């Protein structure tokens, strides 16, 4: 559910040889009236964006790195799904 103050992550998802490649495109924030402010760092090549709840940030000093967005390797070029 979208509630005021909620932080969302914005991604551009592209199909690659090994599966889907998720590229972090920016952030979005829910306003008091339920509308969104979207702040983009990059523009998608295909004009499509995917918005989802942002993952909780981890303490990267404790997690041994973890990439820019708190996951191993970061979400900047995360591959998901994929076909062989």
C-alpha atoms as a PDB file:
ATOM      1  CA  UNK A   1       0.000   0.000   0.000  1.00  0.00           C
ATOM      2  CA  UNK A   2       1.277   3.456  -0.833  1.00  0.00           C
ATOM      3  CA  UNK A   3       1.377   5.631   2.265  1.00  0.00           C
ATOM      4  CA  UNK A   4       2.780   9.126   2.678  1.00  0.00           C
ATOM      5  CA  UNK A   5       6.540   9.177   3.182  1.00  0.00           C
ATOM      6  CA  UNK A   6       7.088   5.710   1.681  1.00  0.00           C
ATOM      7  CA  UNK A   7      10.290   5.413  -0.380  1.00  0.00           C
ATOM      8  CA  UNK A   8      10.096   3.547  -3.671  1.00  0.00           C
ATOM      9  CA  UNK A   9      12.786   2.349  -6.071  1.00  0.00           C
ATOM     10  CA  UNK A  10      12.542   3.013  -9.812  1.00  0.00           C
ATOM     11  CA  UNK A  11      14.102   0.559 -12.282  1.00  0.00           C
ATOM     12  CA  UNK A  12      14.538   0.157 -16.006  1.00  0.00           C
ATOM     13  CA  UNK A  13      14.328  -3.554 -16.879  1.00  0.00           C
ATOM     14  CA  UNK A  14      15.982  -4.747 -20.078  1.00  0.00           C
ATOM     15  CA  UNK A  15      16.152  -8.214 -21.539  1.00  0.00           C
ATOM     16  CA  UNK A  16      19.703  -9.512 -21.955  1.00  0.00           C
ATOM     17  CA  UNK A  17      21.196 -12.806 -23.136  1.00  0.00           C
ATOM     18  CA  UNK A  18      21.217 -14.218 -19.601  1.00  0.00           C
ATOM     19  CA  UNK A  19      17.813 -12.881 -18.542  1.00  0.00           C
ATOM     20  CA  UNK A  20      16.399  -9.603 -17.309  1.00  0.00           C
ATOM     21  CA  UNK A  21      18.792  -6.832 -16.301  1.00  0.00           C
ATOM     22  CA  UNK A  22      17.486  -4.437 -13.661  1.00  0.00           C
ATOM     23  CA  UNK A  23      19.093  -0.984 -13.748  1.00  0.00           C
ATOM     24  CA  UNK A  24      18.350   1.417 -10.900  1.00  0.00           C
ATOM     25  CA  UNK A  25      16.920   4.523 -12.582  1.00  0.00           C
ATOM     26  CA  UNK A  26      16.069   6.586  -9.495  1.00  0.00           C
ATOM     27  CA  UNK A  27      13.686   6.909  -6.552  1.00  0.00           C
ATOM     28  CA  UNK A  28      10.086   7.870  -5.927  1.00  0.00           C
ATOM     29  CA  UNK A  29       8.346   9.201  -2.829  1.00  0.00           C
ATOM     30  CA  UNK A  30       4.663   9.086  -1.880  1.00  0.00           C
ATOM     31  CA  UNK A  31       3.096  12.446  -1.016  1.00  0.00           C
ATOM     32  CA  UNK A  32       0.386  13.052   1.606  1.00  0.00           C
ATOM     33  CA  UNK A  33      -2.312  13.059  -1.110  1.00  0.00           C
ATOM     34  CA  UNK A  34      -1.125   9.708  -2.513  1.00  0.00           C
ATOM     35  CA  UNK A  35       0.591  11.213  -5.561  1.00  0.00           C
ATOM     36  CA  UNK A  36       4.233  10.417  -6.384  1.00  0.00           C
ATOM     37  CA  UNK A  37       7.377  12.453  -6.869  1.00  0.00           C
ATOM     38  CA  UNK A  38       9.753  10.570  -9.163  1.00  0.00           C
ATOM     39  CA  UNK A  39      13.446  11.506  -9.229  1.00  0.00           C
ATOM     40  CA  UNK A  40      15.318   9.907 -12.132  1.00  0.00           C
ATOM     41  CA  UNK A  41      19.094   9.526 -12.367  1.00  0.00           C
ATOM     42  CA  UNK A  42      18.904   7.964 -15.848  1.00  0.00           C
ATOM     43  CA  UNK A  43      16.346   7.715 -18.642  1.00  0.00           C
ATOM     44  CA  UNK A  44      15.188   4.303 -19.886  1.00  0.00           C
ATOM     45  CA  UNK A  45      16.022   3.414 -23.485  1.00  0.00           C
ATOM     46  CA  UNK A  46      12.604   1.855 -24.096  1.00  0.00           C
ATOM     47  CA  UNK A  47      10.543   4.449 -22.191  1.00  0.00           C
ATOM     48  CA  UNK A  48       9.381   1.912 -19.579  1.00  0.00           C
ATOM     49  CA  UNK A  49       9.943   2.178 -15.834  1.00  0.00           C
ATOM     50  CA  UNK A  50       9.188  -0.237 -13.000  1.00  0.00           C
ATOM     51  CA  UNK A  51       8.411   1.158  -9.512  1.00  0.00           C
ATOM     52  CA  UNK A  52       8.413  -0.986  -6.370  1.00  0.00           C
ATOM     53  CA  UNK A  53       8.898  -0.578  -2.641  1.00  0.00           C
ATOM     54  CA  UNK A  54      12.541   0.112  -1.867  1.00  0.00           C
ATOM     55  CA  UNK A  55      14.416  -2.584   0.026  1.00  0.00           C
ATOM     56  CA  UNK A  56      15.630  -1.739   3.492  1.00  0.00           C
ATOM     57  CA  UNK A  57      19.202  -0.497   3.480  1.00  0.00           C
ATOM     58  CA  UNK A  58      21.701  -2.692   5.283  1.00  0.00           C
ATOM     59  CA  UNK A  59      24.762  -1.573   7.191  1.00  0.00           C
ATOM     60  CA  UNK A  60      27.333  -2.190   4.428  1.00  0.00           C
ATOM     61  CA  UNK A  61      30.233  -2.126   6.910  1.00  0.00           C
ATOM     62  CA  UNK A  62      28.660  -5.159   8.607  1.00  0.00           C
ATOM     63  CA  UNK A  63      27.483  -6.832   5.420  1.00  0.00           C
ATOM     64  CA  UNK A  64      30.916  -6.810   3.812  1.00  0.00           C
ATOM     65  CA  UNK A  65      30.191  -4.464   0.958  1.00  0.00           C
ATOM     66  CA  UNK A  66      26.873  -5.242  -0.562  1.00  0.00           C
ATOM     67  CA  UNK A  67      26.856  -2.745  -3.421  1.00  0.00           C
ATOM     68  CA  UNK A  68      25.276   0.653  -3.751  1.00  0.00           C
ATOM     69  CA  UNK A  69      21.769  -0.445  -2.781  1.00  0.00           C
ATOM     70  CA  UNK A  70      22.533  -3.013  -0.108  1.00  0.00           C
ATOM     71  CA  UNK A  71      22.503  -6.202  -2.183  1.00  0.00           C
ATOM     72  CA  UNK A  72      25.458  -8.305  -3.294  1.00  0.00           C
ATOM     73  CA  UNK A  73      26.725  -6.689  -6.452  1.00  0.00           C
ATOM     74  CA  UNK A  74      24.176  -3.887  -6.096  1.00  0.00           C
ATOM     75  CA  UNK A  75      20.962  -3.452  -8.067  1.00  0.00           C
ATOM     76  CA  UNK A  76      22.648  -1.339 -10.726  1.00  0.00           C
ATOM     77  CA  UNK A  77      22.978  -4.347 -13.024  1.00  0.00           C
ATOM     78  CA  UNK A  78      21.180  -7.199 -11.269  1.00  0.00           C
ATOM     79  CA  UNK A  79      20.225 -10.136 -13.460  1.00  0.00           C
ATOM     80  CA  UNK A  80      17.029 -11.978 -12.668  1.00  0.00           C
ATOM     81  CA  UNK A  81      15.231 -14.883 -14.132  1.00  0.00           C
ATOM     82  CA  UNK A  82      17.084 -15.777 -17.312  1.00  0.00           C
ATOM     83  CA  UNK A  83      17.002 -18.561 -19.781  1.00  0.00           C
ATOM     84  CA  UNK A  84      19.905 -20.785 -20.748  1.00  0.00           C
END
